[in-house]
Structure formats: structure tokens, C-alpha cells
Amino acid sequence: MGVQILTPSTWPQLLETLQSGSWNPQLGRFRSPFVFRGQAHAAPLSTSLQRLSSDPRSIERHLIRAFRKYAPATTEARRSLWAWLTLGQHHGLPTRLLDWSYSPLVALHFATASEAHADHDGVVWMIDVAATTQGLPEQLRRVLAQEGGAVFTTEMLDVFSAGTSGDLPFDAEMSWLDRVEHEQGGPYLLFLEPPSLDQRIVQQSALFSMLSNPEVTLDDWLSSRADLARCVVVPRDLKAEVRDRLDGANITERTLFPDLGGLSQWLSRYYRDRPPQLDAPQGRTLDEDRNRHR
């Protein structure tokens, strides 16, 4: 895609790479313009909706309609389409949304937690949200400017949707995306902060990306905008050390999935035997490793 690929070989290099560009001279503080997405192995940046069907636009309406119909049996009804969409994404419904985090450490968790992919290089994707916002259609940029932010909320997107009451067909509520895309002359990418539905979203510093066209993959969109993103490789030989460092920093299933399921996942992984060759990173003892980074 032409996106810059970076491959740090040590934990300090990995942190430095993920935190590069975070100094904001206007604020005089470290505030990264990037958001992060961790993957246990190299895989396309496709949505769950795209992976479900070769015709995502057609099947999307059926999924949302059925989800709206049956979900109120176990949760309160939402008035906003966008609230429904984020709720569905959060609970595994295939949608046009893609998961991201404000935290590079949370992204590293998802790049290293899968034991099934321990023998594969992980990746952490970084996208510059501030720069992405500059490429949005003017009317969307105007709404963000009024709020003084770079990321939308469900309430902000309701401004563009005629069906905020939830009584209009799905296509009618989403029609403004296609209309603005036509005026823009091509698909655009925006970022959406979900409501604090539960502690998982809060603990994971979660947000979602959404392309105006559900048939376009983020890989394809970035192919002509390579300067907006970076791909940081987490070498498989470094994964075990990164995993231990994250456990020590309390970035675990227990904290990111604060329920009994998350607790059980963490305990199962934390106490599982590890192959002897992975005990000391790159053949060093722990004391040697500490001295090396003093």
C-alpha cells in the first residue's frame, strides 16, 4: 500500500516507535495524533461486515433491522441509528465499523494476547486522526470545529441523519453518507467515539473508524493516502517479552475485559507453561536485560 512499515527489535524501540510524534508544541504536552489497532498477525483491514458477505451494502440493512427488532428484549431501545450501530459492533454484530484505541498499550495487548498466533509477527496500525479529519467533507469538518474535536460522537452524527427517532428505514437514515460522498467525489473516513456502554469500552479507550462506503476496505482507501498511516511490526520473537511487560503494567484481559470471563482468560494465559526457549528474551537473563536498559 506504500504505508511506512516499521520493525523495532526491542521493547524500548517498540515504545519509542509507537510514541513518536506525540509531542504537541501548541499544547506543550504529549498528545499523540494517532489512534492504534493491534492485530495478532498481518491481516487485511477489512470490517466484520466485509468478511461476512461479498455484498456488504445489501446485507447490512437486514442485520441492523433484525438487531433493532430483537435487541430490546435484553437492552433498552436506542433512538439513534449510530447508537444501535456501535452497540451491535460492541457485541459482535458484523458492521461497517472497525475497532481502534487511543492507547498504544491496549493495541499491543491485542497484538500479543493470542496464543494461537504466537508464532506470527503481530502488527499495530497507527492512523493520524488529526490529518484524516482535514480530508473530510466541509460540512463534517464544520461540525467537528464547532465541537472543538477531531472525532465524532453518536449525537454529532445524528445531525446529519433525518431518522434520529429510529422510525425511518435504514437506507433513509444512512442516505446522507452516500450524498456527501458523491459531493466529495469519493469515499471518506471518519472516527466515532461510542457511548460508554460498559466498562470494556471505557477501559480499552475504544473508538471506531467508518468509511462512507461499506464496500471499500481501509487498505484500499489508504493506498492513495499512505502518509496518514504507519504499520508497526511486533516480531514474533519479541511477543513474549512484550506480553510480560504489559502484564506488569496491568494491561491484561482482567482490566480490559472487567468481568469474570476476562479474569478467567487472564489467569489461564498468565499461569500457562511457556516453552523454555522463550523464558529470556533474545537469550539474555533478566538481570542482563535490566542492566542493558539502565
C-alpha atoms as a PDB file:
ATOM      1  CA  MET A   1       0.000   0.000   0.000  1.00  0.00           C
ATOM      2  CA  GLY A   2       3.003   2.307   0.344  1.00  0.00           C
ATOM      3  CA  VAL A   3       2.333   2.742   4.073  1.00  0.00           C
ATOM      4  CA  GLN A   4       5.509   3.052   6.125  1.00  0.00           C
ATOM      5  CA  ILE A   5       6.352  -0.261   7.806  1.00  0.00           C
ATOM      6  CA  LEU A   6       8.481  -0.104  10.957  1.00  0.00           C
ATOM      7  CA  THR A   7      10.027  -3.142  12.675  1.00  0.00           C
ATOM      8  CA  PRO A   8      11.535  -2.385  16.092  1.00  0.00           C
ATOM      9  CA  SER A   9      13.571  -5.216  17.580  1.00  0.00           C
ATOM     10  CA  THR A  10      13.484  -4.364  21.305  1.00  0.00           C
ATOM     11  CA  TRP A  11      10.887  -3.252  23.833  1.00  0.00           C
ATOM     12  CA  PRO A  12      12.367   0.288  24.187  1.00  0.00           C
ATOM     13  CA  GLN A  13      12.441   0.672  20.396  1.00  0.00           C
ATOM     14  CA  LEU A  14       8.844  -0.533  20.180  1.00  0.00           C
ATOM     15  CA  LEU A  15       7.634   2.021  22.727  1.00  0.00           C
ATOM     16  CA  GLU A  16       9.614   4.798  21.064  1.00  0.00           C
ATOM     17  CA  THR A  17       8.133   3.914  17.671  1.00  0.00           C
ATOM     18  CA  LEU A  18       4.547   3.878  18.951  1.00  0.00           C
ATOM     19  CA  GLN A  19       5.006   7.141  20.828  1.00  0.00           C
ATOM     20  CA  SER A  20       6.848   9.030  18.087  1.00  0.00           C
ATOM     21  CA  GLY A  21       5.182  12.265  17.032  1.00  0.00           C
ATOM     22  CA  SER A  22       3.250  12.546  20.281  1.00  0.00           C
ATOM     23  CA  TRP A  23       4.712  15.913  21.339  1.00  0.00           C
ATOM     24  CA  ASN A  24       2.203  18.671  20.624  1.00  0.00           C
ATOM     25  CA  PRO A  25       4.021  22.047  20.667  1.00  0.00           C
ATOM     26  CA  GLN A  26       0.750  24.005  20.594  1.00  0.00           C
ATOM     27  CA  LEU A  27      -0.427  22.349  23.803  1.00  0.00           C
ATOM     28  CA  GLY A  28       3.032  21.950  25.276  1.00  0.00           C
ATOM     29  CA  ARG A  29       2.073  18.365  26.157  1.00  0.00           C
ATOM     30  CA  PHE A  30       2.472  14.841  24.852  1.00  0.00           C
ATOM     31  CA  ARG A  31      -0.792  14.188  22.996  1.00  0.00           C
ATOM     32  CA  SER A  32      -0.446  11.713  20.145  1.00  0.00           C
ATOM     33  CA  PRO A  33      -2.406  12.487  16.962  1.00  0.00           C
ATOM     34  CA  PHE A  34      -2.561   8.754  16.282  1.00  0.00           C
ATOM     35  CA  VAL A  35      -5.046   6.043  17.149  1.00  0.00           C
ATOM     36  CA  PHE A  36      -3.967   2.407  17.295  1.00  0.00           C
ATOM     37  CA  ARG A  37      -5.211  -1.006  16.225  1.00  0.00           C
ATOM     38  CA  GLY A  38      -3.445  -4.213  17.284  1.00  0.00           C
ATOM     39  CA  GLN A  39      -3.657  -7.439  15.292  1.00  0.00           C
ATOM     40  CA  ALA A  40      -2.118 -10.762  16.283  1.00  0.00           C
ATOM     41  CA  HIS A  41      -0.930 -11.341  12.704  1.00  0.00           C
ATOM     42  CA  ALA A  42      -0.840  -9.487   9.416  1.00  0.00           C
ATOM     43  CA  ALA A  43      -4.378  -9.389   8.039  1.00  0.00           C
ATOM     44  CA  PRO A  44      -6.371  -7.053   5.787  1.00  0.00           C
ATOM     45  CA  LEU A  45      -8.007  -4.025   7.360  1.00  0.00           C
ATOM     46  CA  SER A  46     -11.449  -5.303   6.469  1.00  0.00           C
ATOM     47  CA  THR A  47     -14.588  -4.943   8.564  1.00  0.00           C
ATOM     48  CA  SER A  48     -16.571  -7.830  10.002  1.00  0.00           C
ATOM     49  CA  LEU A  49     -19.346  -6.900   7.557  1.00  0.00           C
ATOM     50  CA  GLN A  50     -16.988  -7.242   4.590  1.00  0.00           C
ATOM     51  CA  ARG A  51     -15.732 -10.579   5.884  1.00  0.00           C
ATOM     52  CA  LEU A  52     -19.306 -11.814   6.257  1.00  0.00           C
ATOM     53  CA  SER A  53     -20.568 -11.074   2.753  1.00  0.00           C
ATOM     54  CA  SER A  54     -19.362 -10.178  -0.718  1.00  0.00           C
ATOM     55  CA  ASP A  55     -22.290  -7.751  -0.887  1.00  0.00           C
ATOM     56  CA  PRO A  56     -21.940  -5.825   2.401  1.00  0.00           C
ATOM     57  CA  ARG A  57     -24.194  -2.924   1.428  1.00  0.00           C
ATOM     58  CA  SER A  58     -27.150  -5.221   0.746  1.00  0.00           C
ATOM     59  CA  ILE A  59     -26.839  -7.404   3.848  1.00  0.00           C
ATOM     60  CA  GLU A  60     -26.124  -4.510   6.231  1.00  0.00           C
ATOM     61  CA  ARG A  61     -29.741  -3.323   6.255  1.00  0.00           C
ATOM     62  CA  HIS A  62     -31.015  -6.788   7.193  1.00  0.00           C
ATOM     63  CA  LEU A  63     -28.529  -7.131  10.040  1.00  0.00           C
ATOM     64  CA  ILE A  64     -29.378  -3.744  11.552  1.00  0.00           C
ATOM     65  CA  ARG A  65     -33.120  -4.229  11.129  1.00  0.00           C
ATOM     66  CA  ALA A  66     -33.056  -7.610  12.898  1.00  0.00           C
ATOM     67  CA  PHE A  67     -30.726  -6.329  15.612  1.00  0.00           C
ATOM     68  CA  ARG A  68     -33.047  -3.397  16.309  1.00  0.00           C
ATOM     69  CA  LYS A  69     -36.014  -5.733  16.403  1.00  0.00           C
ATOM     70  CA  TYR A  70     -34.687  -8.321  18.847  1.00  0.00           C
ATOM     71  CA  ALA A  71     -32.140  -6.430  20.975  1.00  0.00           C
ATOM     72  CA  PRO A  72     -34.701  -4.522  23.134  1.00  0.00           C
ATOM     73  CA  ALA A  73     -35.571  -7.840  24.780  1.00  0.00           C
ATOM     74  CA  THR A  74     -32.234  -7.628  26.614  1.00  0.00           C
ATOM     75  CA  THR A  75     -31.366  -3.928  26.493  1.00  0.00           C
ATOM     76  CA  GLU A  76     -33.104  -0.589  26.373  1.00  0.00           C
ATOM     77  CA  ALA A  77     -34.111   0.675  22.932  1.00  0.00           C
ATOM     78  CA  ARG A  78     -31.958   3.368  21.334  1.00  0.00           C
ATOM     79  CA  ARG A  79     -33.316   6.333  19.413  1.00  0.00           C
ATOM     80  CA  SER A  80     -30.184   6.818  17.313  1.00  0.00           C
ATOM     81  CA  LEU A  81     -29.073   4.634  14.418  1.00  0.00           C
ATOM     82  CA  TRP A  82     -25.468   5.306  15.402  1.00  0.00           C
ATOM     83  CA  ALA A  83     -26.087   4.166  18.953  1.00  0.00           C
ATOM     84  CA  TRP A  84     -27.532   0.936  17.550  1.00  0.00           C
ATOM     85  CA  LEU A  85     -24.561   0.524  15.236  1.00  0.00           C
ATOM     86  CA  THR A  86     -21.974   0.975  17.991  1.00  0.00           C
ATOM     87  CA  LEU A  87     -23.937  -1.298  20.338  1.00  0.00           C
ATOM     88  CA  GLY A  88     -24.020  -4.006  17.668  1.00  0.00           C
ATOM     89  CA  GLN A  89     -20.298  -3.674  16.936  1.00  0.00           C
ATOM     90  CA  HIS A  90     -19.513  -3.915  20.632  1.00  0.00           C
ATOM     91  CA  HIS A  91     -21.459  -7.175  20.927  1.00  0.00           C
ATOM     92  CA  GLY A  92     -20.122  -8.874  17.803  1.00  0.00           C
ATOM     93  CA  LEU A  93     -22.659  -7.855  15.161  1.00  0.00           C
ATOM     94  CA  PRO A  94     -20.988  -7.590  11.731  1.00  0.00           C
ATOM     95  CA  THR A  95     -20.899  -3.867  10.905  1.00  0.00           C
ATOM     96  CA  ARG A  96     -19.019  -1.377   8.756  1.00  0.00           C
ATOM     97  CA  LEU A  97     -17.096  -0.223  11.853  1.00  0.00           C
ATOM     98  CA  LEU A  98     -13.505  -1.135  12.718  1.00  0.00           C
ATOM     99  CA  ASP A  99     -12.122  -1.153  16.291  1.00  0.00           C
ATOM    100  CA  TRP A 100      -9.340   1.222  17.381  1.00  0.00           C
ATOM    101  CA  SER A 101      -7.931   2.531  20.654  1.00  0.00           C
ATOM    102  CA  TYR A 102      -6.402   5.784  21.828  1.00  0.00           C
ATOM    103  CA  SER A 103      -3.867   3.682  23.747  1.00  0.00           C
ATOM    104  CA  PRO A 104      -0.828   2.068  22.070  1.00  0.00           C
ATOM    105  CA  LEU A 105      -0.536  -0.318  25.029  1.00  0.00           C
ATOM    106  CA  VAL A 106      -4.100  -1.552  24.521  1.00  0.00           C
ATOM    107  CA  ALA A 107      -3.264  -2.122  20.858  1.00  0.00           C
ATOM    108  CA  LEU A 108      -0.158  -4.075  21.901  1.00  0.00           C
ATOM    109  CA  HIS A 109      -2.365  -6.268  24.078  1.00  0.00           C
ATOM    110  CA  PHE A 110      -4.449  -7.306  21.079  1.00  0.00           C
ATOM    111  CA  ALA A 111      -1.275  -7.835  19.032  1.00  0.00           C
ATOM    112  CA  THR A 112       0.216 -10.244  21.596  1.00  0.00           C
ATOM    113  CA  ALA A 113      -2.607 -11.883  23.595  1.00  0.00           C
ATOM    114  CA  SER A 114      -3.475 -14.645  21.111  1.00  0.00           C
ATOM    115  CA  GLU A 115      -1.508 -17.787  21.886  1.00  0.00           C
ATOM    116  CA  ALA A 116      -2.746 -19.319  18.634  1.00  0.00           C
ATOM    117  CA  HIS A 117      -0.719 -16.698  16.746  1.00  0.00           C
ATOM    118  CA  ALA A 118       2.350 -16.657  18.987  1.00  0.00           C
ATOM    119  CA  ASP A 119       4.482 -17.838  16.047  1.00  0.00           C
ATOM    120  CA  HIS A 120       3.338 -14.971  13.803  1.00  0.00           C
ATOM    121  CA  ASP A 121       4.517 -11.396  13.756  1.00  0.00           C
ATOM    122  CA  GLY A 122       1.900  -9.080  15.204  1.00  0.00           C
ATOM    123  CA  VAL A 123       1.148  -5.606  13.898  1.00  0.00           C
ATOM    124  CA  VAL A 124      -0.028  -2.316  15.348  1.00  0.00           C
ATOM    125  CA  TRP A 125      -1.644   0.051  12.885  1.00  0.00           C
ATOM    126  CA  MET A 126      -1.385   3.784  13.541  1.00  0.00           C
ATOM    127  CA  ILE A 127      -3.592   6.359  11.818  1.00  0.00           C
ATOM    128  CA  ASP A 128      -3.221  10.110  12.214  1.00  0.00           C
ATOM    129  CA  VAL A 129      -6.753  11.197  13.160  1.00  0.00           C
ATOM    130  CA  ALA A 130      -5.947  14.900  13.004  1.00  0.00           C
ATOM    131  CA  ALA A 131      -4.661  14.596   9.428  1.00  0.00           C
ATOM    132  CA  THR A 132      -7.570  12.335   8.449  1.00  0.00           C
ATOM    133  CA  THR A 133     -10.018  14.955   9.684  1.00  0.00           C
ATOM    134  CA  GLN A 134      -8.543  17.500   7.283  1.00  0.00           C
ATOM    135  CA  GLY A 135      -9.681  15.311   4.383  1.00  0.00           C
ATOM    136  CA  LEU A 136     -13.324  15.158   5.492  1.00  0.00           C
ATOM    137  CA  PRO A 137     -16.075  16.930   3.534  1.00  0.00           C
ATOM    138  CA  GLU A 138     -16.505  20.541   4.618  1.00  0.00           C
ATOM    139  CA  GLN A 139     -19.860  20.065   6.347  1.00  0.00           C
ATOM    140  CA  LEU A 140     -18.408  17.304   8.529  1.00  0.00           C
ATOM    141  CA  ARG A 141     -15.337  19.371   9.347  1.00  0.00           C
ATOM    142  CA  ARG A 142     -17.627  22.218  10.345  1.00  0.00           C
ATOM    143  CA  VAL A 143     -19.441  20.076  12.914  1.00  0.00           C
ATOM    144  CA  LEU A 144     -16.140  18.929  14.395  1.00  0.00           C
ATOM    145  CA  ALA A 145     -14.846  22.505  14.509  1.00  0.00           C
ATOM    146  CA  GLN A 146     -17.950  23.621  16.401  1.00  0.00           C
ATOM    147  CA  GLU A 147     -17.311  20.928  18.986  1.00  0.00           C
ATOM    148  CA  GLY A 148     -13.561  21.553  19.063  1.00  0.00           C
ATOM    149  CA  GLY A 149     -12.713  17.907  18.363  1.00  0.00           C
ATOM    150  CA  ALA A 150     -11.436  15.523  15.701  1.00  0.00           C
ATOM    151  CA  VAL A 151     -13.699  12.560  16.465  1.00  0.00           C
ATOM    152  CA  PHE A 152     -17.469  12.283  16.162  1.00  0.00           C
ATOM    153  CA  THR A 153     -19.942  11.090  18.776  1.00  0.00           C
ATOM    154  CA  THR A 154     -23.225   9.363  18.001  1.00  0.00           C
ATOM    155  CA  GLU A 155     -25.052  12.586  18.866  1.00  0.00           C
ATOM    156  CA  MET A 156     -22.947  14.589  16.410  1.00  0.00           C
ATOM    157  CA  LEU A 157     -23.732  12.173  13.576  1.00  0.00           C
ATOM    158  CA  ASP A 158     -27.433  12.443  14.366  1.00  0.00           C
ATOM    159  CA  VAL A 159     -27.216  15.991  12.995  1.00  0.00           C
ATOM    160  CA  PHE A 160     -26.896  14.510   9.513  1.00  0.00           C
ATOM    161  CA  SER A 161     -29.441  11.727   9.938  1.00  0.00           C
ATOM    162  CA  ALA A 162     -33.089  12.519   9.316  1.00  0.00           C
ATOM    163  CA  GLY A 163     -34.149   9.401  11.202  1.00  0.00           C
ATOM    164  CA  THR A 164     -32.997  10.185  14.702  1.00  0.00           C
ATOM    165  CA  SER A 165     -36.281   8.784  16.012  1.00  0.00           C
ATOM    166  CA  GLY A 166     -35.423   5.379  14.606  1.00  0.00           C
ATOM    167  CA  ASP A 167     -38.687   5.136  12.586  1.00  0.00           C
ATOM    168  CA  LEU A 168     -37.163   5.525   9.119  1.00  0.00           C
ATOM    169  CA  PRO A 169     -35.797   2.651   7.035  1.00  0.00           C
ATOM    170  CA  PHE A 170     -32.105   2.013   7.457  1.00  0.00           C
ATOM    171  CA  ASP A 171     -31.291   3.194   3.913  1.00  0.00           C
ATOM    172  CA  ALA A 172     -33.040   6.517   4.542  1.00  0.00           C
ATOM    173  CA  GLU A 173     -31.108   7.114   7.755  1.00  0.00           C
ATOM    174  CA  MET A 174     -27.798   6.333   6.042  1.00  0.00           C
ATOM    175  CA  SER A 175     -28.514   8.160   2.790  1.00  0.00           C
ATOM    176  CA  TRP A 176     -26.581  11.288   3.791  1.00  0.00           C
ATOM    177  CA  LEU A 177     -23.328   9.265   3.777  1.00  0.00           C
ATOM    178  CA  ASP A 178     -23.772   8.490   0.071  1.00  0.00           C
ATOM    179  CA  ARG A 179     -24.933  12.024  -0.715  1.00  0.00           C
ATOM    180  CA  VAL A 180     -21.904  13.630   0.931  1.00  0.00           C
ATOM    181  CA  GLU A 181     -19.614  11.039  -0.670  1.00  0.00           C
ATOM    182  CA  HIS A 182     -20.995  11.977  -4.097  1.00  0.00           C
ATOM    183  CA  GLU A 183     -20.373  15.663  -3.372  1.00  0.00           C
ATOM    184  CA  GLN A 184     -16.888  14.845  -2.085  1.00  0.00           C
ATOM    185  CA  GLY A 185     -16.046  12.811  -5.172  1.00  0.00           C
ATOM    186  CA  GLY A 186     -15.054   9.660  -3.312  1.00  0.00           C
ATOM    187  CA  PRO A 187     -15.236   7.765  -0.008  1.00  0.00           C
ATOM    188  CA  TYR A 188     -14.112   9.413   3.220  1.00  0.00           C
ATOM    189  CA  LEU A 189     -13.049   8.084   6.606  1.00  0.00           C
ATOM    190  CA  LEU A 190     -14.341   9.332   9.936  1.00  0.00           C
ATOM    191  CA  PHE A 191     -13.789   8.238  13.525  1.00  0.00           C
ATOM    192  CA  LEU A 192     -16.588   7.677  16.010  1.00  0.00           C
ATOM    193  CA  GLU A 193     -16.467   7.508  19.801  1.00  0.00           C
ATOM    194  CA  PRO A 194     -19.072   5.085  21.145  1.00  0.00           C
ATOM    195  CA  PRO A 195     -21.173   5.854  24.215  1.00  0.00           C
ATOM    196  CA  SER A 196     -19.816   4.345  27.425  1.00  0.00           C
ATOM    197  CA  LEU A 197     -21.961   1.236  27.060  1.00  0.00           C
ATOM    198  CA  ASP A 198     -19.953  -0.680  29.635  1.00  0.00           C
ATOM    199  CA  GLN A 199     -16.547  -0.805  31.296  1.00  0.00           C
ATOM    200  CA  ARG A 200     -14.943  -2.637  28.373  1.00  0.00           C
ATOM    201  CA  ILE A 201     -15.296   0.399  26.131  1.00  0.00           C
ATOM    202  CA  VAL A 202     -14.023   2.682  28.880  1.00  0.00           C
ATOM    203  CA  GLN A 203     -11.061   0.503  29.843  1.00  0.00           C
ATOM    204  CA  GLN A 204      -9.996  -0.070  26.241  1.00  0.00           C
ATOM    205  CA  SER A 205     -10.113   3.649  25.330  1.00  0.00           C
ATOM    206  CA  ALA A 206     -12.152   2.492  22.369  1.00  0.00           C
ATOM    207  CA  LEU A 207     -13.261   4.244  19.228  1.00  0.00           C
ATOM    208  CA  PHE A 208     -14.331   3.098  15.758  1.00  0.00           C
ATOM    209  CA  SER A 209     -13.424   4.035  12.211  1.00  0.00           C
ATOM    210  CA  MET A 210     -16.062   4.112   9.493  1.00  0.00           C
ATOM    211  CA  LEU A 211     -15.766   4.519   5.742  1.00  0.00           C
ATOM    212  CA  SER A 212     -18.683   6.169   3.972  1.00  0.00           C
ATOM    213  CA  ASN A 213     -18.785   3.272   1.506  1.00  0.00           C
ATOM    214  CA  PRO A 214     -19.138  -0.118   3.261  1.00  0.00           C
ATOM    215  CA  GLU A 215     -17.725  -1.933   0.221  1.00  0.00           C
ATOM    216  CA  VAL A 216     -14.351  -0.141   0.326  1.00  0.00           C
ATOM    217  CA  THR A 217     -11.672  -1.645   2.584  1.00  0.00           C
ATOM    218  CA  LEU A 218      -9.433   0.563   4.660  1.00  0.00           C
ATOM    219  CA  ASP A 219      -6.440  -0.981   2.868  1.00  0.00           C
ATOM    220  CA  ASP A 220      -7.763   0.303  -0.449  1.00  0.00           C
ATOM    221  CA  TRP A 221      -8.596   3.719   0.984  1.00  0.00           C
ATOM    222  CA  LEU A 222      -5.099   4.096   2.452  1.00  0.00           C
ATOM    223  CA  SER A 223      -3.403   3.038  -0.798  1.00  0.00           C
ATOM    224  CA  SER A 224      -3.634   6.637  -2.049  1.00  0.00           C
ATOM    225  CA  ARG A 225      -3.159   8.200   1.398  1.00  0.00           C
ATOM    226  CA  ALA A 226      -0.141   6.306   2.706  1.00  0.00           C
ATOM    227  CA  ASP A 227       1.126   9.357   4.619  1.00  0.00           C
ATOM    228  CA  LEU A 228      -1.791   9.067   7.067  1.00  0.00           C
ATOM    229  CA  ALA A 229      -0.791   5.691   8.499  1.00  0.00           C
ATOM    230  CA  ARG A 230       2.068   3.568   9.775  1.00  0.00           C
ATOM    231  CA  CYS A 231       2.299  -0.155  10.338  1.00  0.00           C
ATOM    232  CA  VAL A 232       4.455  -1.228  13.286  1.00  0.00           C
ATOM    233  CA  VAL A 233       5.509  -4.878  13.239  1.00  0.00           C
ATOM    234  CA  VAL A 234       5.759  -6.707  16.578  1.00  0.00           C
ATOM    235  CA  PRO A 235       8.249  -9.507  15.788  1.00  0.00           C
ATOM    236  CA  ARG A 236       7.173 -12.919  16.977  1.00  0.00           C
ATOM    237  CA  ASP A 237      10.484 -13.280  18.863  1.00  0.00           C
ATOM    238  CA  LEU A 238       9.575 -10.158  20.844  1.00  0.00           C
ATOM    239  CA  LYS A 239       5.975 -11.067  21.616  1.00  0.00           C
ATOM    240  CA  ALA A 240       6.686 -12.999  24.829  1.00  0.00           C
ATOM    241  CA  GLU A 241       8.658 -10.113  26.320  1.00  0.00           C
ATOM    242  CA  VAL A 242       6.012  -7.568  25.278  1.00  0.00           C
ATOM    243  CA  ARG A 243       3.338  -9.758  26.828  1.00  0.00           C
ATOM    244  CA  ASP A 244       5.189  -9.889  30.153  1.00  0.00           C
ATOM    245  CA  ARG A 245       5.817  -6.142  30.089  1.00  0.00           C
ATOM    246  CA  LEU A 246       2.111  -5.496  29.529  1.00  0.00           C
ATOM    247  CA  ASP A 247       1.162  -7.855  32.341  1.00  0.00           C
ATOM    248  CA  GLY A 248       3.485  -5.894  34.612  1.00  0.00           C
ATOM    249  CA  ALA A 249       1.803  -2.656  33.505  1.00  0.00           C
ATOM    250  CA  ASN A 250      -1.642  -4.121  34.284  1.00  0.00           C
ATOM    251  CA  ILE A 251      -2.691  -4.189  30.606  1.00  0.00           C
ATOM    252  CA  THR A 252      -4.394  -7.573  30.699  1.00  0.00           C
ATOM    253  CA  GLU A 253      -7.668  -9.323  29.980  1.00  0.00           C
ATOM    254  CA  ARG A 254      -8.617  -8.764  33.622  1.00  0.00           C
ATOM    255  CA  THR A 255      -8.533  -4.976  33.224  1.00  0.00           C
ATOM    256  CA  LEU A 256      -9.590  -4.643  29.575  1.00  0.00           C
ATOM    257  CA  PHE A 257     -12.476  -7.122  29.915  1.00  0.00           C
ATOM    258  CA  PRO A 258     -13.531  -6.421  33.526  1.00  0.00           C
ATOM    259  CA  ASP A 259     -15.839  -9.361  34.072  1.00  0.00           C
ATOM    260  CA  LEU A 260     -15.448 -12.994  35.096  1.00  0.00           C
ATOM    261  CA  GLY A 261     -14.712 -14.042  31.521  1.00  0.00           C
ATOM    262  CA  GLY A 262     -11.834 -11.584  31.248  1.00  0.00           C
ATOM    263  CA  LEU A 263     -10.500 -12.630  34.647  1.00  0.00           C
ATOM    264  CA  SER A 264     -10.545 -16.296  33.589  1.00  0.00           C
ATOM    265  CA  GLN A 265      -8.798 -15.537  30.295  1.00  0.00           C
ATOM    266  CA  TRP A 266      -6.061 -13.644  32.087  1.00  0.00           C
ATOM    267  CA  LEU A 267      -5.473 -16.355  34.691  1.00  0.00           C
ATOM    268  CA  SER A 268      -5.394 -19.100  32.051  1.00  0.00           C
ATOM    269  CA  ARG A 269      -2.787 -17.269  29.973  1.00  0.00           C
ATOM    270  CA  TYR A 270      -0.766 -15.923  32.893  1.00  0.00           C
ATOM    271  CA  TYR A 271      -0.211 -19.335  34.529  1.00  0.00           C
ATOM    272  CA  ARG A 272       0.184 -21.454  31.401  1.00  0.00           C
ATOM    273  CA  ASP A 273       3.617 -23.042  30.928  1.00  0.00           C
ATOM    274  CA  ARG A 274       5.804 -21.258  28.437  1.00  0.00           C
ATOM    275  CA  PRO A 275       8.362 -23.032  26.212  1.00  0.00           C
ATOM    276  CA  PRO A 276      11.826 -22.756  27.830  1.00  0.00           C
ATOM    277  CA  GLN A 277      13.375 -21.023  24.805  1.00  0.00           C
ATOM    278  CA  LEU A 278      11.099 -18.032  25.370  1.00  0.00           C
ATOM    279  CA  ASP A 279      11.943 -17.552  29.055  1.00  0.00           C
ATOM    280  CA  ALA A 280      14.756 -14.987  28.498  1.00  0.00           C
ATOM    281  CA  PRO A 281      14.314 -12.559  25.596  1.00  0.00           C
ATOM    282  CA  GLN A 282      16.980 -12.921  22.929  1.00  0.00           C
ATOM    283  CA  GLY A 283      18.956 -15.311  25.139  1.00  0.00           C
ATOM    284  CA  ARG A 284      19.594 -12.781  27.943  1.00  0.00           C
ATOM    285  CA  THR A 285      18.901 -13.319  31.604  1.00  0.00           C
ATOM    286  CA  LEU A 286      16.506 -10.915  33.306  1.00  0.00           C
ATOM    287  CA  ASP A 287      19.369  -9.221  35.181  1.00  0.00           C
ATOM    288  CA  GLU A 288      21.308  -8.745  31.959  1.00  0.00           C
ATOM    289  CA  ASP A 289      18.198  -7.295  30.347  1.00  0.00           C
ATOM    290  CA  ARG A 290      17.694  -4.820  33.197  1.00  0.00           C
ATOM    291  CA  ASN A 291      21.329  -3.669  33.057  1.00  0.00           C
ATOM    292  CA  ARG A 292      21.165  -3.303  29.294  1.00  0.00           C
ATOM    293  CA  HIS A 293      18.426  -0.678  29.538  1.00  0.00           C
ATOM    294  CA  ARG A 294      19.706   1.295  32.552  1.00  0.00           C
END
